[in-house]
Amino acid sequence: MNLNNIARLGIKELFSLKADFILMLLIVYIFSLAIHSIATSVNFEVKDASIAIVDEDRSFLSRRISSAFLPPQFKPAGFIAADRIDTVLKDGEYVFVVVFPPNFEKDLRLGNHPEIQVNIDASAIALAGNGAVYIQQIINREVIKYLAPNRPLSGNLPLTVNVRKLFNPNSSSRWFNALMQLVNSITMLGIILTGAALIREREHGTIEHLLVMPVTPAEIMLAKIWANGLVILVVALLSLWLVVHGWLGVPIQGSVLLFTAGAVLYLFSLTSLSIMLGTLTYSMSQFGLLIIPVVVVMYLLSGGTTPQESMPDLVRWFMQLSPSSHFVSFSQAVLYRGAGVNSVWPQLLTLSISGGVFFIIALRRFRKAIEGAA
């Protein structure tokens, strides 16, 4: 292979990408406004949850507990009658309805173990699950303070639990969403750009021009890989510092240089896979239909949206064949926990192997496609 040919062909790819205004606009949007909107719009923590109180006891303790549901987790509690519980939940007026039974405070002081009913609209699954835990903690805290006001909060409990949250002490979903959306953006554009460049060559007939030049299929492929991969890498690093770290205020725990090295290997795998998919189609519409299931599977099952530990064993085993699973694990270890090479070398090795395999398969397919065009 001639490195000069690879460099010149790659520069041609950059000029071709520069001339496509819509594609350039898409790249800027995906790595800026899209990351910000997803990071700030999708929340898993409890915030401004609507809660209603059915107080059939009307005691000091029931009013004390009702007043303990405070912002930012909860909106000011509303008081409703018991016969409106089903109505307000069906209408979506409230997510939580807490019911205090008659003689609640009296039975509690007598040691009769009264029960508080909590009705939840579980259609908002994340808010419902986390909010139920918050409500239980608030009720337990206020009851303990009421029964033993002069004792420590843990005085009546058999043990004391100290929770220390590492790497994300405020449990902010913004931190998680921003970084994972950056990884997902790399995945999506890594597949789209290179394959689209190949399809564009075939649709415009410029692939025939390449055939009369003294270049090999490997040189053409490597030029497309380094040019499109470089664009994505530069934009991703700018997004990491300017959007994720600067605009959203997400701390970067680990080495950006190590993350860059992993991203290079990952982009080599993605662009090779993209060329392989591009050789299976003959038009941009066919390529778009083909990459939709590929991108969706890599997006949803890589571990960036839901943890792989919650997936069936067969799915987890299958996703080990995808480079996206290993890059998500690598990115979380480096950017969240500040891991070093000693911790992430298995992921780097796997990305290197998958990239080599995809490149060999894509090269064989690309040679057949060029021979067919000739």
Protein backbone atom coordinates (compact mmCIF):
# COMPACT_ATOMS: atom_id res chain seq x y z
CA MET A 1 0.00 0.00 0.00
CA ASN A 2 1.06 3.56 -0.74
CA LEU A 3 0.62 5.90 2.25
CA ASN A 4 0.60 8.90 -0.09
CA ASN A 5 -2.41 7.46 -1.94
CA ILE A 6 -4.20 6.83 1.35
CA ALA A 7 -3.54 10.40 2.51
CA ARG A 8 -4.69 11.99 -0.75
CA LEU A 9 -7.81 9.85 -0.98
CA GLY A 10 -8.61 10.72 2.65
CA ILE A 11 -8.29 14.43 1.92
CA LYS A 12 -10.68 13.92 -0.99
CA GLU A 13 -13.15 12.39 1.48
CA LEU A 14 -12.81 15.42 3.77
CA PHE A 15 -13.54 17.83 0.92
CA SER A 16 -16.52 15.71 -0.11
CA LEU A 17 -17.86 15.82 3.44
CA LYS A 18 -17.28 19.56 3.64
CA ALA A 19 -19.39 20.09 0.53
CA ASP A 20 -22.35 18.25 2.11
CA PHE A 21 -23.92 21.04 4.20
CA ILE A 22 -26.81 18.93 5.53
CA LEU A 23 -24.48 16.20 6.76
CA MET A 24 -22.19 18.75 8.42
CA LEU A 25 -25.19 20.32 10.13
CA LEU A 26 -26.28 16.87 11.34
CA ILE A 27 -22.85 16.20 12.84
CA VAL A 28 -22.85 19.51 14.72
CA TYR A 29 -26.39 18.96 16.00
CA ILE A 30 -25.83 15.39 17.17
CA PHE A 31 -22.74 16.31 19.19
CA SER A 32 -24.15 19.52 20.69
CA LEU A 33 -27.87 20.22 21.05
CA ALA A 34 -28.88 16.55 20.90
CA ILE A 35 -26.57 15.63 23.77
CA HIS A 36 -27.71 18.59 25.86
CA SER A 37 -31.43 17.98 25.28
CA ILE A 38 -31.24 14.27 26.08
CA ALA A 39 -29.05 14.83 29.15
CA THR A 40 -31.38 17.46 30.60
CA SER A 41 -34.76 16.07 29.47
CA VAL A 42 -34.48 12.44 30.56
CA ASN A 43 -34.39 12.24 34.37
CA PHE A 44 -34.38 9.10 36.50
CA GLU A 45 -34.32 10.80 39.88
CA VAL A 46 -37.44 12.06 41.66
CA LYS A 47 -38.12 15.73 40.90
CA ASP A 48 -41.35 17.73 41.18
CA ALA A 49 -43.42 14.60 41.74
CA SER A 50 -47.10 15.31 42.37
CA ILE A 51 -48.43 13.87 45.64
CA ALA A 52 -51.85 13.95 47.28
CA ILE A 53 -52.81 13.26 50.91
CA VAL A 54 -55.98 11.57 52.18
CA ASP A 55 -55.93 12.47 55.88
CA GLU A 56 -58.63 10.54 57.71
CA ASP A 57 -56.78 10.95 61.01
CA ARG A 58 -56.27 14.73 61.05
CA SER A 59 -53.72 14.41 63.83
CA PHE A 60 -50.53 16.27 64.57
CA LEU A 61 -48.43 13.37 63.24
CA SER A 62 -50.34 13.04 59.95
CA ARG A 63 -49.98 16.79 59.32
CA ARG A 64 -46.28 16.59 60.23
CA ILE A 65 -45.65 13.79 57.74
CA SER A 66 -47.67 15.59 55.05
CA SER A 67 -45.59 18.72 55.44
CA ALA A 68 -42.35 16.70 55.11
CA PHE A 69 -42.88 16.11 51.37
CA LEU A 70 -40.80 19.03 50.17
CA PRO A 71 -39.24 20.31 46.92
CA PRO A 72 -37.30 19.54 44.84
CA GLN A 73 -38.38 15.90 45.11
CA PHE A 74 -42.09 16.65 45.54
CA LYS A 75 -44.50 19.42 44.70
CA PRO A 76 -46.54 20.84 47.60
CA ALA A 77 -48.93 18.09 48.71
CA GLY A 78 -52.61 18.43 47.85
CA PHE A 79 -55.39 17.18 50.14
CA ILE A 80 -58.24 15.18 48.63
CA ALA A 81 -61.13 13.04 49.81
CA ALA A 82 -60.86 9.25 49.86
CA ASP A 83 -63.49 8.79 47.13
CA ARG A 84 -61.32 10.75 44.64
CA ILE A 85 -58.27 8.47 44.77
CA ASP A 86 -59.12 6.45 41.66
CA THR A 87 -60.18 9.56 39.75
CA VAL A 88 -57.02 11.60 40.33
CA LEU A 89 -54.80 8.64 39.48
CA LYS A 90 -56.70 7.84 36.27
CA ASP A 91 -56.63 11.47 35.19
CA GLY A 92 -52.90 11.73 35.87
CA GLU A 93 -53.44 14.57 38.32
CA TYR A 94 -51.21 12.95 40.93
CA VAL A 95 -48.55 10.21 40.78
CA PHE A 96 -48.69 9.38 44.51
CA VAL A 97 -51.60 9.33 46.95
CA VAL A 98 -50.80 8.72 50.64
CA VAL A 99 -53.70 7.64 52.87
CA PHE A 100 -53.60 8.05 56.67
CA PRO A 101 -56.22 5.78 58.34
CA PRO A 102 -58.43 6.96 61.19
CA ASN A 103 -56.78 6.88 64.64
CA PHE A 104 -53.37 6.57 63.03
CA GLU A 105 -51.49 8.57 65.68
CA LYS A 106 -53.44 6.99 68.55
CA ASP A 107 -52.80 3.42 67.36
CA LEU A 108 -49.12 4.22 66.83
CA ARG A 109 -48.70 5.48 70.37
CA LEU A 110 -50.48 2.36 71.67
CA GLY A 111 -48.12 0.12 69.69
CA ASN A 112 -50.82 -1.31 67.40
CA HIS A 113 -48.75 -0.94 64.19
CA PRO A 114 -51.15 1.02 61.97
CA GLU A 115 -50.64 0.93 58.22
CA ILE A 116 -50.28 3.82 55.77
CA GLN A 117 -51.51 3.16 52.26
CA VAL A 118 -49.50 4.56 49.33
CA ASN A 119 -51.22 4.49 45.93
CA ILE A 120 -48.91 4.93 42.94
CA ASP A 121 -49.43 5.57 39.24
CA ALA A 122 -46.82 3.06 38.00
CA SER A 123 -47.15 4.06 34.35
CA ALA A 124 -44.26 6.43 35.11
CA ILE A 125 -42.07 3.49 36.07
CA ALA A 126 -38.81 5.22 37.03
CA LEU A 127 -40.55 7.98 38.99
CA ALA A 128 -42.88 5.49 40.67
CA GLY A 129 -40.13 3.15 41.87
CA ASN A 130 -37.76 5.82 43.14
CA GLY A 131 -40.56 7.96 44.57
CA ALA A 132 -41.94 5.07 46.63
CA VAL A 133 -38.54 4.68 48.29
CA TYR A 134 -38.42 8.42 49.08
CA ILE A 135 -41.92 8.33 50.59
CA GLN A 136 -41.07 5.34 52.77
CA GLN A 137 -37.90 7.00 54.03
CA ILE A 138 -39.73 10.26 54.83
CA ILE A 139 -42.51 8.49 56.73
CA ASN A 140 -40.07 6.36 58.74
CA ARG A 141 -37.95 9.39 59.59
CA GLU A 142 -40.88 11.50 60.80
CA VAL A 143 -42.39 8.65 62.84
CA ILE A 144 -39.08 7.99 64.59
CA LYS A 145 -38.63 11.69 65.33
CA TYR A 146 -42.16 11.85 66.73
CA LEU A 147 -41.86 8.80 68.98
CA ALA A 148 -38.33 9.53 70.23
CA PRO A 149 -37.62 13.25 69.69
CA ASN A 150 -34.59 13.32 71.98
CA ARG A 151 -32.84 10.28 70.53
CA PRO A 152 -30.65 9.98 67.45
CA LEU A 153 -32.51 9.17 64.28
CA SER A 154 -31.07 5.63 64.29
CA GLY A 155 -31.64 5.05 68.00
CA ASN A 156 -34.58 2.64 67.58
CA LEU A 157 -33.05 0.77 64.67
CA PRO A 158 -31.00 -2.46 65.03
CA LEU A 159 -28.23 -1.07 62.82
CA THR A 160 -27.05 2.10 61.16
CA VAL A 161 -26.55 2.18 57.41
CA ASN A 162 -24.05 4.70 56.06
CA VAL A 163 -24.35 5.16 52.30
CA ARG A 164 -21.45 6.70 50.40
CA LYS A 165 -22.06 7.36 46.72
CA LEU A 166 -18.93 7.33 44.60
CA PHE A 167 -18.35 9.00 41.21
CA ASN A 168 -21.85 10.57 41.17
CA PRO A 169 -22.62 11.66 44.76
CA ASN A 170 -25.82 13.54 43.82
CA SER A 171 -27.13 10.62 41.70
CA SER A 172 -27.62 13.07 38.83
CA SER A 173 -29.01 11.39 35.72
CA ARG A 174 -27.60 14.31 33.73
CA TRP A 175 -24.05 13.04 34.32
CA PHE A 176 -24.94 9.56 33.10
CA ASN A 177 -27.12 10.61 30.17
CA ALA A 178 -24.62 13.13 28.79
CA LEU A 179 -21.67 10.76 28.58
CA MET A 180 -23.70 7.82 27.31
CA GLN A 181 -25.33 9.97 24.66
CA LEU A 182 -21.86 11.03 23.52
CA VAL A 183 -20.94 7.34 23.13
CA ASN A 184 -24.19 6.64 21.29
CA SER A 185 -23.54 9.58 18.95
CA ILE A 186 -20.12 8.17 18.10
CA THR A 187 -21.75 4.82 17.36
CA MET A 188 -24.43 6.25 15.12
CA LEU A 189 -22.24 8.57 13.06
CA GLY A 190 -19.42 6.04 12.89
CA ILE A 191 -21.76 3.72 10.99
CA ILE A 192 -23.58 6.36 8.96
CA LEU A 193 -20.73 8.53 7.64
CA THR A 194 -18.41 5.93 6.16
CA GLY A 195 -21.12 3.81 4.62
CA ALA A 196 -22.80 6.90 3.21
CA ALA A 197 -19.50 7.99 1.65
CA LEU A 198 -19.19 4.61 -0.09
CA ILE A 199 -22.79 4.65 -1.31
CA ARG A 200 -22.38 8.23 -2.53
CA GLU A 201 -19.38 7.16 -4.62
CA ARG A 202 -21.40 4.39 -6.23
CA GLU A 203 -24.49 6.54 -6.87
CA HIS A 204 -22.46 9.40 -8.40
CA GLY A 205 -20.32 7.07 -10.48
CA THR A 206 -17.03 8.27 -8.98
CA ILE A 207 -16.15 4.72 -7.98
CA GLU A 208 -15.37 4.09 -11.67
CA HIS A 209 -12.91 6.99 -11.58
CA LEU A 210 -11.07 5.31 -8.73
CA LEU A 211 -10.83 2.08 -10.70
CA VAL A 212 -8.67 3.69 -13.40
CA MET A 213 -6.29 5.13 -10.79
CA PRO A 214 -3.25 3.21 -9.48
CA VAL A 215 -4.89 2.56 -6.10
CA THR A 216 -5.87 -0.67 -4.39
CA PRO A 217 -9.16 -1.50 -2.61
CA ALA A 218 -7.32 -1.51 0.74
CA GLU A 219 -6.05 2.03 0.11
CA ILE A 220 -9.55 3.25 -0.76
CA MET A 221 -10.98 1.65 2.38
CA LEU A 222 -8.28 2.98 4.70
CA ALA A 223 -8.72 6.48 3.26
CA LYS A 224 -12.43 6.43 4.01
CA ILE A 225 -11.78 4.99 7.48
CA TRP A 226 -9.20 7.56 8.59
CA ALA A 227 -10.97 10.58 7.07
CA ASN A 228 -14.44 9.89 8.46
CA GLY A 229 -13.05 8.53 11.72
CA LEU A 230 -10.96 11.67 12.19
CA VAL A 231 -13.98 13.93 11.75
CA ILE A 232 -16.01 11.99 14.30
CA LEU A 233 -13.10 11.81 16.76
CA VAL A 234 -12.40 15.56 16.64
CA VAL A 235 -16.06 16.50 16.98
CA ALA A 236 -16.53 13.97 19.82
CA LEU A 237 -13.58 15.35 21.80
CA LEU A 238 -14.80 18.91 21.29
CA SER A 239 -18.25 17.82 22.47
CA LEU A 240 -16.73 16.10 25.51
CA TRP A 241 -15.01 19.31 26.65
CA LEU A 242 -17.35 22.04 25.42
CA VAL A 243 -20.80 20.44 25.78
CA VAL A 244 -20.51 17.64 28.35
CA HIS A 245 -17.87 19.14 30.63
CA GLY A 246 -18.34 22.86 29.94
CA TRP A 247 -22.05 23.35 29.19
CA LEU A 248 -23.52 20.54 31.29
CA GLY A 249 -20.88 20.64 34.03
CA VAL A 250 -20.18 16.90 34.04
CA PRO A 251 -16.79 16.11 35.66
CA ILE A 252 -14.36 13.99 33.67
CA GLN A 253 -12.71 11.62 36.13
CA GLY A 254 -10.26 9.75 33.91
CA SER A 255 -7.68 10.35 31.22
CA VAL A 256 -8.97 11.98 28.05
CA LEU A 257 -5.92 10.63 26.22
CA LEU A 258 -6.85 7.06 27.19
CA PHE A 259 -10.45 7.67 26.12
CA THR A 260 -9.15 8.99 22.79
CA ALA A 261 -7.12 5.83 22.24
CA GLY A 262 -10.17 3.66 22.92
CA ALA A 263 -12.31 5.84 20.64
CA VAL A 264 -9.80 5.41 17.81
CA LEU A 265 -10.00 1.63 18.07
CA TYR A 266 -13.77 1.76 18.33
CA LEU A 267 -14.08 4.00 15.27
CA PHE A 268 -11.84 1.63 13.32
CA SER A 269 -14.30 -1.19 14.13
CA LEU A 270 -17.37 0.93 13.32
CA THR A 271 -16.09 2.31 10.03
CA SER A 272 -15.01 -1.14 8.88
CA LEU A 273 -18.45 -2.49 9.81
CA SER A 274 -20.04 0.43 7.97
CA ILE A 275 -18.13 -0.33 4.76
CA MET A 276 -19.12 -3.98 5.06
CA LEU A 277 -22.79 -2.97 5.32
CA GLY A 278 -22.33 -0.52 2.44
CA THR A 279 -21.15 -3.31 0.13
CA LEU A 280 -24.43 -5.16 0.74
CA THR A 281 -26.56 -2.33 -0.66
CA TYR A 282 -26.76 -0.34 -3.90
CA SER A 283 -28.50 2.87 -2.84
CA MET A 284 -28.68 5.23 0.13
CA SER A 285 -32.26 4.20 0.88
CA GLN A 286 -31.27 0.53 1.09
CA PHE A 287 -28.31 1.43 3.28
CA GLY A 288 -30.57 3.45 5.58
CA LEU A 289 -32.98 0.54 5.98
CA LEU A 290 -30.11 -1.86 6.67
CA ILE A 291 -28.39 0.20 9.36
CA ILE A 292 -31.59 0.96 11.32
CA PRO A 293 -31.77 -2.45 13.07
CA VAL A 294 -27.99 -2.49 13.52
CA VAL A 295 -27.88 0.93 15.20
CA VAL A 296 -30.98 0.25 17.31
CA VAL A 297 -29.59 -3.04 18.64
CA MET A 298 -26.19 -1.51 19.37
CA TYR A 299 -27.88 1.49 21.03
CA LEU A 300 -30.31 -0.39 23.27
CA LEU A 301 -28.30 -3.49 24.19
CA SER A 302 -24.78 -2.09 24.59
CA GLY A 303 -25.25 -1.24 28.27
CA GLY A 304 -25.44 2.51 27.73
CA THR A 305 -29.23 2.61 28.12
CA THR A 306 -29.90 -0.33 30.43
CA PRO A 307 -27.29 -2.39 32.31
CA GLN A 308 -26.37 -5.65 30.64
CA GLU A 309 -26.64 -7.41 34.01
CA SER A 310 -30.44 -7.09 33.70
CA MET A 311 -30.53 -8.74 30.26
CA PRO A 312 -31.02 -12.47 29.53
CA ASP A 313 -27.82 -14.49 29.37
CA LEU A 314 -28.29 -15.24 25.66
CA VAL A 315 -28.56 -11.53 24.84
CA ARG A 316 -25.53 -10.70 26.97
CA TRP A 317 -23.49 -13.38 25.21
CA PHE A 318 -24.63 -12.18 21.78
CA MET A 319 -23.73 -8.56 22.56
CA GLN A 320 -20.17 -9.56 23.39
CA LEU A 321 -19.76 -9.85 19.61
CA SER A 322 -20.59 -6.16 19.26
CA PRO A 323 -17.82 -3.57 19.76
CA SER A 324 -20.38 -1.14 21.23
CA SER A 325 -20.73 -3.22 24.43
CA HIS A 326 -16.99 -3.15 25.05
CA PHE A 327 -16.67 0.56 24.26
CA VAL A 328 -19.53 1.45 26.62
CA SER A 329 -17.85 -0.57 29.38
CA PHE A 330 -14.52 1.09 28.55
CA SER A 331 -16.01 4.61 28.52
CA GLN A 332 -17.83 4.15 31.81
CA ALA A 333 -14.66 2.86 33.48
CA VAL A 334 -12.47 5.69 32.17
CA LEU A 335 -14.80 8.70 32.23
CA TYR A 336 -16.83 7.80 35.34
CA ARG A 337 -14.37 5.98 37.56
CA GLY A 338 -11.00 7.22 36.32
CA ALA A 339 -9.76 3.72 35.42
CA GLY A 340 -6.29 3.24 33.93
CA VAL A 341 -4.88 0.96 31.28
CA ASN A 342 -4.47 -1.87 33.79
CA SER A 343 -8.25 -2.00 34.21
CA VAL A 344 -9.44 -1.50 30.63
CA TRP A 345 -6.87 -3.39 28.56
CA PRO A 346 -9.31 -6.31 27.93
CA GLN A 347 -11.77 -3.91 26.27
CA LEU A 348 -8.99 -2.31 24.22
CA LEU A 349 -7.81 -5.73 23.08
CA THR A 350 -11.33 -6.79 22.14
CA LEU A 351 -11.90 -3.59 20.16
CA SER A 352 -8.64 -4.19 18.28
CA ILE A 353 -9.59 -7.75 17.41
CA SER A 354 -13.13 -6.84 16.32
CA GLY A 355 -11.77 -4.02 14.19
CA GLY A 356 -9.36 -6.38 12.44
CA VAL A 357 -12.09 -8.94 11.79
CA PHE A 358 -14.53 -6.36 10.41
CA PHE A 359 -11.80 -4.83 8.24
CA ILE A 360 -10.87 -8.17 6.66
CA ILE A 361 -14.50 -9.05 5.93
CA ALA A 362 -15.20 -5.55 4.59
CA LEU A 363 -12.10 -5.65 2.37
CA ARG A 364 -13.16 -8.92 0.79
CA ARG A 365 -16.68 -7.60 0.20
CA PHE A 366 -15.31 -4.31 -1.16
CA ARG A 367 -13.05 -6.09 -3.64
CA LYS A 368 -16.01 -8.07 -4.93
CA ALA A 369 -18.06 -4.87 -5.24
CA ILE A 370 -15.27 -3.15 -7.21
CA GLU A 371 -14.87 -6.18 -9.47
CA GLY A 372 -18.61 -6.11 -10.09
CA ALA A 373 -18.46 -2.39 -10.93
CA ALA A 374 -15.57 -3.03 -13.31
